């Protein structure tokens, strides 16, 4: 008789715990921060209790004011600054004052041809159309056909073979034969 009561108690306890966690889940972030702040500022509260004996509420008020001044106000200022600068960056990108394409284009043009192929735009030299039909654009902006794509794939495989043959044993001495 006792074991069935224990079993039903554990099942009920598990069900209530799951329901409690389900109710608290939306507040998880706030609860986590509250617990962290309580742990971090507990020594300050204890020190305030020693300094102000019998005045628990004043010690708690002092600790809350310190948390607001040392944590919440600086965090609010930083978040407001980030939002302001993010909006300003968005406006500058929209107006064309800042372009992320130019530095990337300079990087791609400085690379040798075989490396530029590897860092091309997504889908470049990858899609296939009917024989001789355009399927992608190269770094120069020219349209390429299926034969050109096949040539680039063979160059790609050759570069991998050269790396496996020459570079890997130099980097990993155990790979030498």
Protein backbone atom coordinates (compact mmCIF):
# COMPACT_ATOMS: atom_id res chain seq x y z
CA UNK A 1 0.00 0.00 0.00
CA UNK A 2 2.82 2.39 0.89
CA UNK A 3 4.64 1.93 -2.44
CA UNK A 4 1.58 2.86 -4.55
CA UNK A 5 1.19 6.03 -2.47
CA UNK A 6 4.86 6.84 -2.99
CA UNK A 7 4.57 6.19 -6.72
CA UNK A 8 1.47 8.34 -7.11
CA UNK A 9 3.13 11.11 -5.03
CA UNK A 10 6.20 11.08 -7.31
CA UNK A 11 4.02 11.15 -10.44
CA UNK A 12 2.00 14.06 -9.03
CA UNK A 13 5.21 15.85 -8.01
CA UNK A 14 6.68 15.40 -11.52
CA UNK A 15 3.46 16.65 -13.16
CA UNK A 16 3.34 19.74 -10.93
CA UNK A 17 7.04 20.44 -11.53
CA UNK A 18 6.56 20.24 -15.30
CA UNK A 19 3.51 22.52 -15.12
CA UNK A 20 5.45 24.98 -12.94
CA UNK A 21 8.35 25.01 -15.41
CA UNK A 22 5.89 25.53 -18.29
CA UNK A 23 4.38 28.55 -16.53
CA UNK A 24 7.80 30.06 -15.69
CA UNK A 25 9.42 29.43 -19.09
CA UNK A 26 8.54 32.89 -20.57
CA UNK A 27 10.23 34.52 -17.55
CA UNK A 28 13.40 32.41 -17.69
CA UNK A 29 15.69 35.25 -18.86
CA UNK A 30 14.46 37.70 -16.24
CA UNK A 31 14.70 35.08 -13.49
CA UNK A 32 18.22 34.14 -14.52
CA UNK A 33 19.38 37.79 -14.40
CA UNK A 34 17.63 38.32 -11.06
CA UNK A 35 19.37 35.28 -9.57
CA UNK A 36 22.75 36.41 -10.91
CA UNK A 37 22.33 39.93 -9.52
CA UNK A 38 21.18 38.54 -6.15
CA UNK A 39 24.27 36.30 -5.95
CA UNK A 40 26.65 39.07 -7.03
CA UNK A 41 25.26 41.73 -4.66
CA UNK A 42 24.56 39.48 -1.63
CA UNK A 43 27.89 40.42 0.04
CA UNK A 44 27.04 44.10 -0.30
CA UNK A 45 23.65 43.50 1.32
CA UNK A 46 25.26 41.58 4.21
CA UNK A 47 27.76 44.42 4.71
CA UNK A 48 24.89 46.95 4.72
CA UNK A 49 23.08 44.82 7.34
CA UNK A 50 26.18 44.89 9.54
CA UNK A 51 26.51 48.66 9.10
CA UNK A 52 22.79 49.34 9.70
CA UNK A 53 21.72 46.86 12.44
CA UNK A 54 17.97 46.42 12.78
CA UNK A 55 17.24 48.38 9.59
CA UNK A 56 16.74 45.57 7.09
CA UNK A 57 14.56 47.63 4.75
CA UNK A 58 17.10 50.45 4.56
CA UNK A 59 19.87 47.94 3.78
CA UNK A 60 17.72 46.39 1.03
CA UNK A 61 16.90 49.84 -0.39
CA UNK A 62 20.60 50.75 -0.39
CA UNK A 63 21.47 47.54 -2.25
CA UNK A 64 18.73 48.09 -4.84
CA UNK A 65 19.90 51.67 -5.45
CA UNK A 66 23.49 50.45 -5.90
CA UNK A 67 22.32 47.79 -8.40
CA UNK A 68 20.36 50.39 -10.34
CA UNK A 69 23.24 52.87 -10.42
CA UNK A 70 26.04 50.35 -11.10
CA UNK A 71 24.28 47.92 -13.45
CA UNK A 72 20.94 48.98 -14.87
CA UNK A 73 21.71 52.57 -15.85
CA UNK A 74 25.02 51.76 -17.64
CA UNK A 75 23.39 48.81 -19.44
CA UNK A 76 20.49 51.02 -20.54
CA UNK A 77 22.92 53.66 -21.84
CA UNK A 78 24.93 51.08 -23.79
CA UNK A 79 21.79 49.53 -25.30
CA UNK A 80 20.43 52.95 -26.29
CA UNK A 81 23.78 53.82 -27.88
CA UNK A 82 23.86 50.53 -29.81
CA UNK A 83 20.33 51.08 -31.08
CA UNK A 84 21.16 54.64 -32.12
CA UNK A 85 24.35 53.64 -33.92
CA UNK A 86 22.64 50.67 -35.55
CA UNK A 87 19.96 52.96 -36.95
CA UNK A 88 22.61 55.39 -38.16
CA UNK A 89 24.55 52.56 -39.84
CA UNK A 90 21.37 51.34 -41.52
CA UNK A 91 20.64 54.84 -42.86
CA UNK A 92 24.20 55.23 -44.17
CA UNK A 93 24.05 51.85 -45.93
CA UNK A 94 20.66 52.74 -47.43
CA UNK A 95 21.96 56.13 -48.64
CA UNK A 96 25.01 54.49 -50.21
CA UNK A 97 27.55 56.21 -47.97
CA UNK A 98 28.82 52.81 -46.80
CA UNK A 99 29.23 49.89 -49.16
CA UNK A 100 30.35 46.47 -48.07
CA UNK A 101 30.72 45.33 -51.68
CA UNK A 102 33.75 47.54 -52.46
CA UNK A 103 36.17 46.05 -49.88
CA UNK A 104 35.06 42.54 -50.82
CA UNK A 105 35.54 43.30 -54.51
CA UNK A 106 39.06 44.63 -53.77
CA UNK A 107 39.86 41.42 -51.89
CA UNK A 108 38.59 39.25 -54.72
CA UNK A 109 40.51 41.23 -57.36
CA UNK A 110 43.75 40.92 -55.34
CA UNK A 111 43.48 37.12 -55.25
CA UNK A 112 44.97 34.91 -57.98
CA UNK A 113 42.50 33.41 -60.45
CA UNK A 114 42.41 29.96 -58.84
CA UNK A 115 41.70 31.45 -55.38
CA UNK A 116 39.11 33.85 -56.76
CA UNK A 117 37.21 30.89 -58.15
CA UNK A 118 37.05 29.30 -54.70
CA UNK A 119 35.75 32.50 -53.10
CA UNK A 120 33.24 33.34 -55.80
CA UNK A 121 29.62 34.18 -55.28
CA UNK A 122 27.21 31.38 -54.28
CA UNK A 123 26.10 29.33 -57.22
CA UNK A 124 28.96 30.53 -59.42
CA UNK A 125 30.06 27.80 -61.83
CA UNK A 126 27.69 25.44 -60.07
CA UNK A 127 24.37 25.46 -61.95
CA UNK A 128 23.99 23.65 -65.26
CA UNK A 129 21.80 24.49 -68.22
CA UNK A 130 21.41 22.93 -71.65
CA UNK A 131 24.61 22.40 -73.61
CA UNK A 132 26.23 25.77 -74.31
CA UNK A 133 23.63 27.77 -72.36
CA UNK A 134 24.81 30.40 -69.88
CA UNK A 135 24.90 29.06 -66.33
CA UNK A 136 26.83 31.58 -64.24
CA UNK A 137 29.06 34.62 -64.27
CA UNK A 138 32.76 34.66 -63.57
CA UNK A 139 34.74 37.25 -61.60
CA UNK A 140 35.01 39.36 -64.69
CA UNK A 141 31.22 39.49 -65.01
CA UNK A 142 31.22 37.49 -68.25
CA UNK A 143 28.66 34.76 -68.69
CA UNK A 144 30.12 31.26 -68.71
CA UNK A 145 28.85 28.08 -70.27
CA UNK A 146 28.84 24.45 -69.20
CA UNK A 147 32.27 23.66 -70.70
CA UNK A 148 33.89 26.52 -68.76
CA UNK A 149 32.29 25.24 -65.55
CA UNK A 150 33.70 21.79 -66.20
CA UNK A 151 37.17 23.29 -66.73
CA UNK A 152 36.95 25.12 -63.41
CA UNK A 153 35.87 21.94 -61.64
CA UNK A 154 38.89 20.10 -63.01
CA UNK A 155 41.16 22.97 -61.87
CA UNK A 156 39.49 22.76 -58.44
CA UNK A 157 40.22 19.03 -58.24
CA UNK A 158 43.83 19.64 -59.36
CA UNK A 159 44.37 22.23 -56.62
CA UNK A 160 43.07 19.76 -54.03
CA UNK A 161 45.44 17.07 -55.33
CA UNK A 162 48.40 19.46 -55.18
CA UNK A 163 47.52 20.45 -51.62
CA UNK A 164 47.26 16.81 -50.59
CA UNK A 165 50.58 15.97 -52.26
CA UNK A 166 52.70 18.99 -51.29
CA UNK A 167 51.24 21.11 -48.51
CA UNK A 168 49.79 18.55 -46.13
CA UNK A 169 53.05 16.64 -45.51
CA UNK A 170 54.81 19.95 -44.83
CA UNK A 171 52.21 20.92 -42.25
CA UNK A 172 51.66 17.45 -40.81
CA UNK A 173 54.99 15.56 -40.72
CA UNK A 174 53.17 12.31 -39.91
CA UNK A 175 51.53 12.49 -43.36
CA UNK A 176 54.87 12.02 -45.15
CA UNK A 177 55.23 8.75 -47.00
